[in-house]
Amino acid sequence: MSRLTALISRAKAKDKALGDELEREFKALASRRAFGLNFERHRPESVELPGRPVRRGDKVRVLPPRGTGTRGDPRLWRVTRLDSDGEARMAQITLIDAETPETADVAAADLVVVAEFRDFIYPGLVSTGRVPRGGDKPFHTVINGENFHVLEALTYTHRGKIDAIYIDPPYNTGARDWKYNNDYVESEDLYRHSKWLAFMERRL
């Protein structure tokens, strides 16, 4: 343990943000008991927030050119400046956690805001239609969204009003055509089942 503490201190001296994150993960692991079913930690989750206006300080990804089937830049950038010129608005972005500083000027329309799991977001529910039947009898609601954020929103909008929730996420199928990363854990990973349990643990 003392060796790890020393290494974390050295990391903090070079990169405080990285050192703090390593220390948080170390404390989380140290506080866990090694009995029963153990959930394995995995790489941080993130969700894109299309439609959310880009603001200074946001974490963003650069979208691929429109009309192409290529994947976008998976790296995370921070918006450091915005030049407001209507539709031709430009953003200056800086690469997050880069060993050597890297900046770029990109059209704000080519950016999508990204929230990592630990970031606060304030999701809202928007009605897209309804099929009224049965008058005042109990009814069903179908919600399409990232399950963690939907469940978080329901604690504010529907607390005490729900009898049951059926979650049907198409997780761990290996499909790559979903908005979020459905190929999250490598099929050859010996801890893949434990990592998926960790993924779901946060939501449950």
N, C-alpha and C. Protein backbone atom coordinates (compact mmCIF):
# COMPACT_ATOMS: atom_id res chain seq x y z
N MET A 1 0.82 -1.20 0.00
CA MET A 1 0.00 0.00 0.00
C MET A 1 0.86 1.26 0.00
N SER A 2 1.94 1.26 0.78
CA SER A 2 2.78 2.46 0.85
C SER A 2 3.42 2.75 -0.51
N ARG A 3 3.75 1.68 -1.26
CA ARG A 3 4.33 1.86 -2.59
C ARG A 3 3.32 2.57 -3.52
N LEU A 4 2.06 2.12 -3.47
CA LEU A 4 1.03 2.75 -4.28
C LEU A 4 0.82 4.21 -3.87
N THR A 5 0.83 4.47 -2.58
CA THR A 5 0.66 5.84 -2.10
C THR A 5 1.78 6.74 -2.62
N ALA A 6 3.00 6.21 -2.63
CA ALA A 6 4.14 6.99 -3.13
C ALA A 6 4.00 7.26 -4.62
N LEU A 7 3.55 6.25 -5.37
CA LEU A 7 3.37 6.42 -6.81
C LEU A 7 2.28 7.45 -7.11
N ILE A 8 1.20 7.43 -6.32
CA ILE A 8 0.13 8.41 -6.50
C ILE A 8 0.63 9.81 -6.22
N SER A 9 1.47 9.96 -5.18
CA SER A 9 2.05 11.27 -4.86
C SER A 9 2.90 11.77 -6.02
N ARG A 10 3.67 10.88 -6.63
CA ARG A 10 4.50 11.28 -7.78
C ARG A 10 3.61 11.69 -8.97
N ALA A 11 2.51 10.95 -9.17
CA ALA A 11 1.59 11.28 -10.26
C ALA A 11 0.96 12.66 -10.02
N LYS A 12 0.62 12.96 -8.76
CA LYS A 12 0.03 14.26 -8.42
C LYS A 12 0.99 15.40 -8.71
N ALA A 13 2.28 15.14 -8.46
CA ALA A 13 3.28 16.20 -8.69
C ALA A 13 3.36 16.55 -10.18
N LYS A 14 3.17 15.55 -11.04
CA LYS A 14 3.24 15.80 -12.49
C LYS A 14 1.91 16.24 -13.08
N ASP A 15 0.81 15.65 -12.60
CA ASP A 15 -0.51 15.96 -13.13
C ASP A 15 -1.52 15.81 -11.99
N LYS A 16 -1.91 16.94 -11.38
CA LYS A 16 -2.75 16.89 -10.18
C LYS A 16 -4.09 16.21 -10.43
N ALA A 17 -4.72 16.52 -11.57
CA ALA A 17 -6.03 15.93 -11.86
C ALA A 17 -5.93 14.41 -11.98
N LEU A 18 -4.90 13.95 -12.68
CA LEU A 18 -4.70 12.50 -12.82
C LEU A 18 -4.41 11.87 -11.46
N GLY A 19 -3.56 12.52 -10.67
CA GLY A 19 -3.24 12.00 -9.34
C GLY A 19 -4.46 11.90 -8.45
N ASP A 20 -5.31 12.92 -8.49
CA ASP A 20 -6.54 12.90 -7.68
C ASP A 20 -7.46 11.78 -8.09
N GLU A 21 -7.56 11.55 -9.42
CA GLU A 21 -8.43 10.48 -9.91
C GLU A 21 -7.89 9.11 -9.50
N LEU A 22 -6.57 8.94 -9.60
CA LEU A 22 -5.96 7.68 -9.17
C LEU A 22 -6.20 7.45 -7.68
N GLU A 23 -6.08 8.51 -6.90
CA GLU A 23 -6.29 8.38 -5.46
C GLU A 23 -7.72 7.99 -5.13
N ARG A 24 -8.69 8.58 -5.85
CA ARG A 24 -10.10 8.22 -5.64
C ARG A 24 -10.34 6.74 -5.93
N GLU A 25 -9.78 6.26 -7.06
CA GLU A 25 -9.95 4.85 -7.42
C GLU A 25 -9.28 3.93 -6.40
N PHE A 26 -8.10 4.35 -5.93
CA PHE A 26 -7.37 3.56 -4.94
C PHE A 26 -8.18 3.46 -3.65
N LYS A 27 -8.76 4.58 -3.20
CA LYS A 27 -9.54 4.57 -1.96
C LYS A 27 -10.79 3.70 -2.11
N ALA A 28 -11.40 3.77 -3.30
CA ALA A 28 -12.60 2.95 -3.53
C ALA A 28 -12.26 1.46 -3.47
N LEU A 29 -11.13 1.09 -4.08
CA LEU A 29 -10.71 -0.32 -4.05
C LEU A 29 -10.31 -0.75 -2.65
N ALA A 30 -9.62 0.12 -1.92
CA ALA A 30 -9.15 -0.23 -0.58
C ALA A 30 -10.30 -0.41 0.40
N SER A 31 -11.42 0.29 0.14
CA SER A 31 -12.55 0.22 1.07
C SER A 31 -13.45 -0.98 0.81
N ARG A 32 -13.24 -1.67 -0.29
CA ARG A 32 -14.10 -2.80 -0.62
C ARG A 32 -13.63 -4.07 0.08
N ARG A 33 -14.58 -4.90 0.49
CA ARG A 33 -14.24 -6.16 1.14
C ARG A 33 -14.19 -7.28 0.11
N ALA A 34 -13.27 -8.17 0.27
CA ALA A 34 -13.06 -9.22 -0.73
C ALA A 34 -13.81 -10.50 -0.36
N PHE A 35 -15.14 -10.39 -0.23
CA PHE A 35 -15.93 -11.61 -0.05
C PHE A 35 -17.21 -11.48 -0.84
N GLY A 36 -17.89 -12.59 -1.07
CA GLY A 36 -19.11 -12.55 -1.86
C GLY A 36 -18.81 -12.26 -3.32
N LEU A 37 -19.79 -11.70 -4.00
CA LEU A 37 -19.65 -11.37 -5.41
C LEU A 37 -18.93 -10.04 -5.54
N ASN A 38 -17.75 -10.05 -6.16
CA ASN A 38 -16.96 -8.83 -6.29
C ASN A 38 -17.15 -8.23 -7.67
N PHE A 39 -17.50 -6.96 -7.71
CA PHE A 39 -17.63 -6.24 -8.97
C PHE A 39 -16.28 -5.66 -9.36
N GLU A 40 -15.90 -5.83 -10.60
CA GLU A 40 -14.65 -5.28 -11.09
C GLU A 40 -14.86 -3.88 -11.64
N ARG A 41 -13.91 -3.01 -11.39
CA ARG A 41 -13.97 -1.66 -11.96
C ARG A 41 -13.67 -1.75 -13.45
N HIS A 42 -14.22 -0.83 -14.23
CA HIS A 42 -13.94 -0.80 -15.66
C HIS A 42 -13.77 0.64 -16.09
N ARG A 43 -13.43 0.83 -17.35
CA ARG A 43 -13.15 2.18 -17.83
C ARG A 43 -14.37 3.07 -17.69
N PRO A 44 -14.15 4.38 -17.54
CA PRO A 44 -15.27 5.28 -17.27
C PRO A 44 -16.30 5.29 -18.39
N GLU A 45 -17.55 5.41 -18.01
CA GLU A 45 -18.63 5.51 -18.99
C GLU A 45 -18.84 6.97 -19.37
N SER A 46 -19.38 7.17 -20.53
CA SER A 46 -19.77 8.52 -20.94
C SER A 46 -20.97 8.40 -21.85
N VAL A 47 -21.74 9.47 -21.91
CA VAL A 47 -22.92 9.49 -22.79
C VAL A 47 -22.93 10.82 -23.53
N GLU A 48 -23.23 10.74 -24.82
CA GLU A 48 -23.31 11.96 -25.63
C GLU A 48 -24.69 12.60 -25.43
N LEU A 49 -24.71 13.93 -25.44
CA LEU A 49 -25.95 14.68 -25.23
C LEU A 49 -26.27 15.50 -26.48
N PRO A 50 -26.70 14.84 -27.56
CA PRO A 50 -27.01 15.59 -28.78
C PRO A 50 -28.16 16.56 -28.53
N GLY A 51 -28.06 17.73 -29.16
CA GLY A 51 -29.09 18.74 -28.96
C GLY A 51 -28.78 19.69 -27.82
N ARG A 52 -27.88 19.30 -26.94
CA ARG A 52 -27.48 20.19 -25.84
C ARG A 52 -26.56 21.26 -26.39
N PRO A 53 -26.86 22.56 -26.21
CA PRO A 53 -26.00 23.61 -26.75
C PRO A 53 -24.58 23.53 -26.18
N VAL A 54 -23.60 23.78 -27.02
CA VAL A 54 -22.19 23.76 -26.59
C VAL A 54 -21.90 25.04 -25.84
N ARG A 55 -21.30 24.91 -24.65
CA ARG A 55 -20.96 26.06 -23.83
C ARG A 55 -19.49 26.00 -23.44
N ARG A 56 -18.95 27.13 -23.07
CA ARG A 56 -17.56 27.17 -22.61
C ARG A 56 -17.41 26.31 -21.37
N GLY A 57 -16.36 25.49 -21.33
CA GLY A 57 -16.13 24.58 -20.20
C GLY A 57 -16.67 23.18 -20.40
N ASP A 58 -17.49 22.98 -21.43
CA ASP A 58 -18.07 21.66 -21.69
C ASP A 58 -17.02 20.65 -22.13
N LYS A 59 -17.27 19.37 -21.80
CA LYS A 59 -16.51 18.28 -22.40
C LYS A 59 -17.22 17.93 -23.71
N VAL A 60 -16.45 17.75 -24.77
CA VAL A 60 -17.05 17.48 -26.07
C VAL A 60 -16.26 16.44 -26.84
N ARG A 61 -16.91 15.87 -27.85
CA ARG A 61 -16.24 15.05 -28.86
C ARG A 61 -16.46 15.72 -30.21
N VAL A 62 -15.50 15.51 -31.12
CA VAL A 62 -15.63 16.04 -32.47
C VAL A 62 -16.35 14.99 -33.32
N LEU A 63 -17.45 15.40 -33.94
CA LEU A 63 -18.24 14.50 -34.77
C LEU A 63 -17.53 14.22 -36.09
N PRO A 64 -17.78 13.06 -36.70
CA PRO A 64 -17.21 12.78 -38.02
C PRO A 64 -17.89 13.65 -39.06
N PRO A 65 -17.28 13.83 -40.23
CA PRO A 65 -17.92 14.63 -41.28
C PRO A 65 -19.29 14.06 -41.63
N ARG A 66 -20.27 14.93 -41.79
CA ARG A 66 -21.63 14.49 -42.09
C ARG A 66 -21.68 13.73 -43.42
N GLY A 67 -22.48 12.67 -43.42
CA GLY A 67 -22.65 11.88 -44.63
C GLY A 67 -21.62 10.77 -44.78
N THR A 68 -20.66 10.71 -43.85
CA THR A 68 -19.67 9.63 -43.92
C THR A 68 -20.01 8.57 -42.90
N GLY A 69 -19.55 7.38 -43.13
CA GLY A 69 -19.80 6.29 -42.19
C GLY A 69 -18.66 6.09 -41.21
N THR A 70 -17.72 7.03 -41.18
CA THR A 70 -16.56 6.88 -40.31
C THR A 70 -16.93 7.19 -38.87
N ARG A 71 -16.17 6.61 -37.96
CA ARG A 71 -16.38 6.88 -36.53
C ARG A 71 -15.75 8.22 -36.19
N GLY A 72 -16.35 8.90 -35.23
CA GLY A 72 -15.83 10.20 -34.80
C GLY A 72 -14.59 10.04 -33.94
N ASP A 73 -14.01 11.16 -33.58
CA ASP A 73 -12.83 11.18 -32.71
C ASP A 73 -13.26 10.76 -31.31
N PRO A 74 -12.74 9.64 -30.78
CA PRO A 74 -13.20 9.17 -29.47
C PRO A 74 -12.64 9.98 -28.30
N ARG A 75 -11.67 10.84 -28.57
CA ARG A 75 -11.03 11.58 -27.48
C ARG A 75 -11.96 12.67 -26.93
N LEU A 76 -11.73 13.01 -25.66
CA LEU A 76 -12.51 14.07 -25.02
C LEU A 76 -11.74 15.38 -25.07
N TRP A 77 -12.46 16.45 -25.40
CA TRP A 77 -11.89 17.79 -25.46
C TRP A 77 -12.66 18.70 -24.52
N ARG A 78 -12.03 19.79 -24.11
CA ARG A 78 -12.69 20.82 -23.29
C ARG A 78 -12.82 22.09 -24.11
N VAL A 79 -14.00 22.70 -24.10
CA VAL A 79 -14.22 23.95 -24.83
C VAL A 79 -13.64 25.09 -24.00
N THR A 80 -12.64 25.77 -24.55
CA THR A 80 -11.99 26.86 -23.83
C THR A 80 -12.46 28.24 -24.29
N ARG A 81 -12.99 28.32 -25.51
CA ARG A 81 -13.47 29.62 -26.01
C ARG A 81 -14.52 29.40 -27.09
N LEU A 82 -15.48 30.29 -27.14
CA LEU A 82 -16.51 30.26 -28.18
C LEU A 82 -16.59 31.63 -28.82
N ASP A 83 -16.54 31.67 -30.14
CA ASP A 83 -16.72 32.91 -30.87
C ASP A 83 -18.13 32.90 -31.44
N SER A 84 -18.97 33.81 -30.93
CA SER A 84 -20.38 33.83 -31.33
C SER A 84 -20.57 34.58 -32.63
N ASP A 85 -20.81 33.83 -33.69
CA ASP A 85 -21.12 34.41 -35.00
C ASP A 85 -22.31 33.68 -35.61
N GLY A 86 -23.37 33.53 -34.83
CA GLY A 86 -24.57 32.86 -35.35
C GLY A 86 -24.30 31.41 -35.68
N GLU A 87 -24.69 30.99 -36.87
CA GLU A 87 -24.55 29.59 -37.27
C GLU A 87 -23.10 29.21 -37.53
N ALA A 88 -22.25 30.20 -37.80
CA ALA A 88 -20.84 29.91 -38.10
C ALA A 88 -19.99 29.99 -36.83
N ARG A 89 -20.58 29.71 -35.69
CA ARG A 89 -19.88 29.82 -34.41
C ARG A 89 -18.71 28.85 -34.35
N MET A 90 -17.56 29.34 -33.93
CA MET A 90 -16.36 28.51 -33.82
C MET A 90 -16.01 28.30 -32.35
N ALA A 91 -15.43 27.14 -32.06
CA ALA A 91 -15.02 26.81 -30.70
C ALA A 91 -13.54 26.47 -30.69
N GLN A 92 -12.85 26.96 -29.67
CA GLN A 92 -11.47 26.52 -29.45
C GLN A 92 -11.53 25.42 -28.40
N ILE A 93 -10.94 24.27 -28.71
CA ILE A 93 -11.00 23.13 -27.81
C ILE A 93 -9.60 22.66 -27.45
N THR A 94 -9.47 22.12 -26.24
CA THR A 94 -8.19 21.61 -25.74
C THR A 94 -8.37 20.16 -25.35
N LEU A 95 -7.44 19.32 -25.75
CA LEU A 95 -7.51 17.89 -25.46
C LEU A 95 -7.36 17.65 -23.96
N ILE A 96 -8.27 16.84 -23.40
CA ILE A 96 -8.26 16.54 -21.96
C ILE A 96 -7.28 15.40 -21.69
N ASP A 97 -6.53 15.53 -20.60
CA ASP A 97 -5.58 14.49 -20.15
C ASP A 97 -4.53 14.14 -21.20
N ALA A 98 -4.09 15.14 -21.94
CA ALA A 98 -3.06 14.90 -22.95
C ALA A 98 -1.68 15.12 -22.34
N GLU A 99 -0.71 14.27 -22.73
CA GLU A 99 0.65 14.44 -22.23
C GLU A 99 1.25 15.73 -22.77
N THR A 100 0.99 16.02 -24.03
CA THR A 100 1.43 17.29 -24.61
C THR A 100 0.19 18.07 -24.99
N PRO A 101 0.13 19.37 -24.63
CA PRO A 101 -1.07 20.17 -24.91
C PRO A 101 -1.41 20.17 -26.40
N GLU A 102 -2.70 20.01 -26.68
CA GLU A 102 -3.16 20.03 -28.07
C GLU A 102 -4.45 20.83 -28.13
N THR A 103 -4.49 21.80 -29.02
CA THR A 103 -5.69 22.62 -29.19
C THR A 103 -6.14 22.56 -30.64
N ALA A 104 -7.39 22.93 -30.87
CA ALA A 104 -7.92 22.96 -32.24
C ALA A 104 -9.07 23.95 -32.28
N ASP A 105 -9.32 24.49 -33.47
CA ASP A 105 -10.47 25.36 -33.71
C ASP A 105 -11.45 24.58 -34.58
N VAL A 106 -12.66 24.40 -34.05
CA VAL A 106 -13.66 23.55 -34.71
C VAL A 106 -14.99 24.30 -34.73
N ALA A 107 -15.78 24.09 -35.76
CA ALA A 107 -17.13 24.65 -35.79
C ALA A 107 -17.95 24.03 -34.66
N ALA A 108 -18.64 24.87 -33.91
CA ALA A 108 -19.42 24.38 -32.77
C ALA A 108 -20.47 23.36 -33.21
N ALA A 109 -20.95 23.48 -34.45
CA ALA A 109 -21.94 22.53 -34.97
C ALA A 109 -21.36 21.14 -35.15
N ASP A 110 -20.03 21.02 -35.17
CA ASP A 110 -19.38 19.73 -35.34
C ASP A 110 -18.98 19.09 -34.01
N LEU A 111 -19.50 19.63 -32.92
CA LEU A 111 -19.18 19.11 -31.59
C LEU A 111 -20.44 18.54 -30.95
N VAL A 112 -20.26 17.52 -30.11
CA VAL A 112 -21.37 17.00 -29.31
C VAL A 112 -20.91 17.00 -27.85
N VAL A 113 -21.76 17.50 -26.97
CA VAL A 113 -21.44 17.57 -25.55
C VAL A 113 -21.46 16.16 -24.98
N VAL A 114 -20.51 15.87 -24.09
CA VAL A 114 -20.38 14.54 -23.49
C VAL A 114 -20.41 14.68 -21.96
N ALA A 115 -21.14 13.79 -21.31
CA ALA A 115 -21.14 13.74 -19.85
C ALA A 115 -20.58 12.39 -19.43
N GLU A 116 -19.60 12.40 -18.54
CA GLU A 116 -19.10 11.15 -17.97
C GLU A 116 -20.00 10.77 -16.81
N PHE A 117 -19.87 9.53 -16.36
CA PHE A 117 -20.80 9.00 -15.37
C PHE A 117 -20.83 9.85 -14.11
N ARG A 118 -19.68 10.38 -13.69
CA ARG A 118 -19.63 11.13 -12.44
C ARG A 118 -20.13 12.57 -12.59
N ASP A 119 -20.36 13.02 -13.83
CA ASP A 119 -20.81 14.39 -14.07
C ASP A 119 -22.31 14.51 -13.80
N PHE A 120 -22.71 15.65 -13.25
CA PHE A 120 -24.13 15.91 -13.05
C PHE A 120 -24.75 16.35 -14.37
N ILE A 121 -25.86 15.74 -14.73
CA ILE A 121 -26.65 16.26 -15.85
C ILE A 121 -28.08 16.33 -15.35
N TYR A 122 -28.87 17.11 -16.02
CA TYR A 122 -30.25 17.33 -15.58
C TYR A 122 -31.19 16.92 -16.70
N PRO A 123 -31.47 15.60 -16.78
CA PRO A 123 -32.30 15.11 -17.88
C PRO A 123 -33.75 15.53 -17.70
N GLY A 124 -34.46 15.65 -18.79
CA GLY A 124 -35.88 15.95 -18.74
C GLY A 124 -36.64 14.97 -19.61
N LEU A 125 -37.91 14.80 -19.34
CA LEU A 125 -38.75 13.91 -20.13
C LEU A 125 -39.62 14.74 -21.06
N VAL A 126 -39.63 14.38 -22.33
CA VAL A 126 -40.42 15.09 -23.33
C VAL A 126 -41.42 14.12 -23.93
N SER A 127 -42.70 14.45 -23.84
CA SER A 127 -43.74 13.58 -24.39
C SER A 127 -43.71 13.65 -25.91
N THR A 128 -43.71 12.48 -26.55
CA THR A 128 -43.71 12.42 -28.02
C THR A 128 -45.01 11.84 -28.56
N GLY A 129 -45.96 11.56 -27.67
CA GLY A 129 -47.25 11.03 -28.12
C GLY A 129 -47.87 10.15 -27.06
N ARG A 130 -49.16 9.86 -27.23
CA ARG A 130 -49.85 9.00 -26.26
C ARG A 130 -51.01 8.29 -26.92
N VAL A 131 -51.39 7.17 -26.33
CA VAL A 131 -52.56 6.41 -26.78
C VAL A 131 -53.49 6.30 -25.57
N PRO A 132 -54.46 7.21 -25.44
CA PRO A 132 -55.33 7.20 -24.24
C PRO A 132 -56.36 6.08 -24.30
N ARG A 133 -56.39 5.27 -23.25
CA ARG A 133 -57.38 4.20 -23.13
C ARG A 133 -57.67 3.97 -21.65
N GLY A 134 -58.87 3.71 -21.33
CA GLY A 134 -59.19 3.28 -19.97
C GLY A 134 -59.46 4.38 -18.98
N GLY A 135 -59.50 5.63 -19.43
CA GLY A 135 -59.84 6.71 -18.50
C GLY A 135 -58.82 6.87 -17.38
N ASP A 136 -59.28 6.74 -16.13
CA ASP A 136 -58.39 6.95 -14.98
C ASP A 136 -57.71 5.67 -14.50
N LYS A 137 -57.81 4.59 -15.28
CA LYS A 137 -57.19 3.34 -14.88
C LYS A 137 -55.66 3.46 -14.97
N PRO A 138 -54.93 2.56 -14.30
CA PRO A 138 -53.45 2.61 -14.40
C PRO A 138 -53.00 2.52 -15.85
N PHE A 139 -51.87 3.13 -16.14
CA PHE A 139 -51.40 3.16 -17.52
C PHE A 139 -49.90 2.87 -17.58
N HIS A 140 -49.43 2.64 -18.78
CA HIS A 140 -48.02 2.35 -19.00
C HIS A 140 -47.35 3.54 -19.67
N THR A 141 -46.07 3.72 -19.38
CA THR A 141 -45.28 4.77 -20.01
C THR A 141 -44.03 4.14 -20.59
N VAL A 142 -43.75 4.41 -21.85
CA VAL A 142 -42.54 3.93 -22.49
C VAL A 142 -41.56 5.09 -22.58
N ILE A 143 -40.37 4.90 -22.05
CA ILE A 143 -39.36 5.96 -22.06
C ILE A 143 -38.14 5.45 -22.82
N ASN A 144 -37.71 6.22 -23.80
CA ASN A 144 -36.54 5.85 -24.60
C ASN A 144 -35.39 6.74 -24.16
N GLY A 145 -34.34 6.16 -23.59
CA GLY A 145 -33.22 6.97 -23.13
C GLY A 145 -32.15 6.12 -22.48
N GLU A 146 -31.06 6.75 -22.06
CA GLU A 146 -29.99 6.06 -21.34
C GLU A 146 -30.54 5.73 -19.96
N ASN A 147 -30.51 4.44 -19.60
CA ASN A 147 -31.29 4.01 -18.44
C ASN A 147 -30.92 4.69 -17.13
N PHE A 148 -29.63 4.94 -16.89
CA PHE A 148 -29.26 5.57 -15.62
C PHE A 148 -29.88 6.96 -15.51
N HIS A 149 -29.80 7.75 -16.59
CA HIS A 149 -30.33 9.11 -16.55
C HIS A 149 -31.85 9.11 -16.47
N VAL A 150 -32.50 8.13 -17.13
CA VAL A 150 -33.96 8.04 -17.04
C VAL A 150 -34.37 7.72 -15.61
N LEU A 151 -33.72 6.74 -14.99
CA LEU A 151 -34.05 6.37 -13.62
C LEU A 151 -33.82 7.54 -12.67
N GLU A 152 -32.74 8.29 -12.92
CA GLU A 152 -32.43 9.46 -12.09
C GLU A 152 -33.55 10.51 -12.23
N ALA A 153 -34.01 10.74 -13.45
CA ALA A 153 -35.07 11.72 -13.68
C ALA A 153 -36.38 11.28 -13.02
N LEU A 154 -36.67 9.97 -13.06
CA LEU A 154 -37.92 9.48 -12.50
C LEU A 154 -37.99 9.67 -10.98
N THR A 155 -36.83 9.72 -10.32
CA THR A 155 -36.86 9.95 -8.86
C THR A 155 -37.42 11.33 -8.55
N TYR A 156 -37.36 12.25 -9.51
CA TYR A 156 -37.92 13.59 -9.31
C TYR A 156 -39.34 13.72 -9.85
N THR A 157 -39.59 13.10 -11.00
CA THR A 157 -40.88 13.32 -11.67
C THR A 157 -41.96 12.32 -11.27
N HIS A 158 -41.58 11.11 -10.87
CA HIS A 158 -42.57 10.06 -10.64
C HIS A 158 -42.38 9.35 -9.30
N ARG A 159 -41.74 10.00 -8.35
CA ARG A 159 -41.51 9.33 -7.06
C ARG A 159 -42.85 8.93 -6.42
N GLY A 160 -42.97 7.67 -6.02
CA GLY A 160 -44.18 7.17 -5.37
C GLY A 160 -45.33 6.91 -6.31
N LYS A 161 -45.11 7.02 -7.63
CA LYS A 161 -46.20 6.86 -8.60
C LYS A 161 -46.02 5.62 -9.49
N ILE A 162 -44.97 4.84 -9.26
CA ILE A 162 -44.66 3.73 -10.16
C ILE A 162 -44.73 2.41 -9.39
N ASP A 163 -45.40 1.43 -9.99
CA ASP A 163 -45.49 0.10 -9.38
C ASP A 163 -44.33 -0.79 -9.79
N ALA A 164 -43.92 -0.71 -11.06
CA ALA A 164 -42.84 -1.57 -11.55
C ALA A 164 -42.16 -0.91 -12.73
N ILE A 165 -40.87 -1.19 -12.88
CA ILE A 165 -40.10 -0.70 -14.02
C ILE A 165 -39.48 -1.89 -14.72
N TYR A 166 -39.69 -1.99 -16.03
CA TYR A 166 -39.08 -3.05 -16.84
C TYR A 166 -38.01 -2.40 -17.70
N ILE A 167 -36.77 -2.76 -17.47
CA ILE A 167 -35.66 -2.20 -18.24
C ILE A 167 -35.21 -3.25 -19.24
N ASP A 168 -35.15 -2.86 -20.49
CA ASP A 168 -34.76 -3.81 -21.54
C ASP A 168 -33.59 -3.25 -22.33
N PRO A 169 -32.43 -3.13 -21.69
CA PRO A 169 -31.27 -2.60 -22.43
C PRO A 169 -30.64 -3.69 -23.28
N PRO A 170 -30.27 -3.40 -24.51
CA PRO A 170 -29.64 -4.41 -25.37
C PRO A 170 -28.15 -4.50 -25.08
N TYR A 171 -27.80 -4.70 -23.81
CA TYR A 171 -26.39 -4.71 -23.42
C TYR A 171 -25.71 -6.03 -23.74
N ASN A 172 -24.42 -5.92 -23.94
CA ASN A 172 -23.55 -7.09 -24.04
C ASN A 172 -23.88 -7.99 -25.22
N THR A 173 -24.48 -7.44 -26.27
CA THR A 173 -24.78 -8.25 -27.45
C THR A 173 -23.66 -8.13 -28.48
N GLY A 174 -22.77 -7.15 -28.30
CA GLY A 174 -21.69 -6.95 -29.25
C GLY A 174 -22.07 -6.08 -30.43
N ALA A 175 -23.35 -5.66 -30.52
CA ALA A 175 -23.78 -4.82 -31.63
C ALA A 175 -23.09 -3.46 -31.56
N ARG A 176 -22.80 -2.89 -32.72
CA ARG A 176 -22.10 -1.61 -32.76
C ARG A 176 -22.94 -0.49 -33.36
N ASP A 177 -24.23 -0.74 -33.58
CA ASP A 177 -25.06 0.27 -34.25
C ASP A 177 -25.94 1.05 -33.27
N TRP A 178 -25.57 1.06 -31.98
CA TRP A 178 -26.32 1.81 -30.99
C TRP A 178 -25.63 3.13 -30.72
N LYS A 179 -26.41 4.10 -30.21
CA LYS A 179 -25.85 5.42 -29.91
C LYS A 179 -24.74 5.31 -28.86
N TYR A 180 -24.96 4.48 -27.82
CA TYR A 180 -23.94 4.28 -26.80
C TYR A 180 -23.12 3.04 -27.16
N ASN A 181 -22.04 2.86 -26.44
CA ASN A 181 -21.11 1.77 -26.76
C ASN A 181 -21.65 0.46 -26.22
N ASN A 182 -22.18 -0.36 -27.10
CA ASN A 182 -22.74 -1.65 -26.70
C ASN A 182 -21.70 -2.76 -26.77
N ASP A 183 -20.52 -2.43 -27.26
CA ASP A 183 -19.43 -3.40 -27.33
C ASP A 183 -18.44 -3.05 -26.22
N TYR A 184 -18.99 -2.90 -25.02
CA TYR A 184 -18.28 -2.25 -23.92
C TYR A 184 -17.16 -3.11 -23.33
N VAL A 185 -17.38 -4.40 -23.26
CA VAL A 185 -16.40 -5.31 -22.66
C VAL A 185 -15.93 -6.30 -23.72
N GLU A 186 -14.63 -6.47 -23.83
CA GLU A 186 -14.07 -7.39 -24.82
C GLU A 186 -14.57 -8.81 -24.56
N SER A 187 -14.91 -9.53 -25.63
CA SER A 187 -15.47 -10.88 -25.48
C SER A 187 -14.47 -11.86 -24.88
N GLU A 188 -13.16 -11.56 -25.02
CA GLU A 188 -12.14 -12.45 -24.49
C GLU A 188 -11.73 -12.10 -23.05
N ASP A 189 -12.29 -11.03 -22.51
CA ASP A 189 -11.94 -10.58 -21.16
C ASP A 189 -12.43 -11.60 -20.14
N LEU A 190 -11.52 -12.14 -19.31
CA LEU A 190 -11.89 -13.15 -18.33
C LEU A 190 -12.84 -12.61 -17.27
N TYR A 191 -12.85 -11.27 -17.09
CA TYR A 191 -13.71 -10.65 -16.09
C TYR A 191 -14.95 -10.00 -16.72
N ARG A 192 -15.28 -10.40 -17.96
CA ARG A 192 -16.34 -9.69 -18.68
C ARG A 192 -17.68 -9.72 -17.94
N HIS A 193 -18.03 -10.86 -17.33
CA HIS A 193 -19.32 -10.95 -16.63
C HIS A 193 -19.32 -10.06 -15.39
N SER A 194 -18.20 -10.06 -14.68
CA SER A 194 -18.10 -9.23 -13.49
C SER A 194 -18.15 -7.75 -13.85
N LYS A 195 -17.54 -7.39 -14.99
CA LYS A 195 -17.57 -5.99 -15.42
C LYS A 195 -18.98 -5.57 -15.81
N TRP A 196 -19.73 -6.49 -16.42
CA TRP A 196 -21.10 -6.14 -16.76
C TRP A 196 -21.94 -5.99 -15.51
N LEU A 197 -21.67 -6.78 -14.50
CA LEU A 197 -22.39 -6.62 -13.23
C LEU A 197 -22.06 -5.27 -12.61
N ALA A 198 -20.80 -4.84 -12.76
CA ALA A 198 -20.41 -3.52 -12.24
C ALA A 198 -21.14 -2.42 -13.00
N PHE A 199 -21.26 -2.61 -14.31
CA PHE A 199 -21.96 -1.65 -15.16
C PHE A 199 -23.40 -1.49 -14.68
N MET A 200 -24.06 -2.63 -14.39
CA MET A 200 -25.46 -2.59 -13.97
C MET A 200 -25.61 -2.20 -12.50
N GLU A 201 -24.58 -2.48 -11.69
CA GLU A 201 -24.66 -2.17 -10.25
C GLU A 201 -24.98 -0.71 -10.02
N ARG A 202 -24.36 0.16 -10.79
CA ARG A 202 -24.59 1.59 -10.61
C ARG A 202 -26.05 1.96 -10.86
N ARG A 203 -26.68 1.26 -11.80
CA ARG A 203 -28.06 1.57 -12.14
C ARG A 203 -29.04 0.95 -11.17
N LEU A 204 -28.72 -0.23 -10.67
CA LEU A 204 -29.62 -0.90 -9.74
C LEU A 204 -29.63 -0.22 -8.39
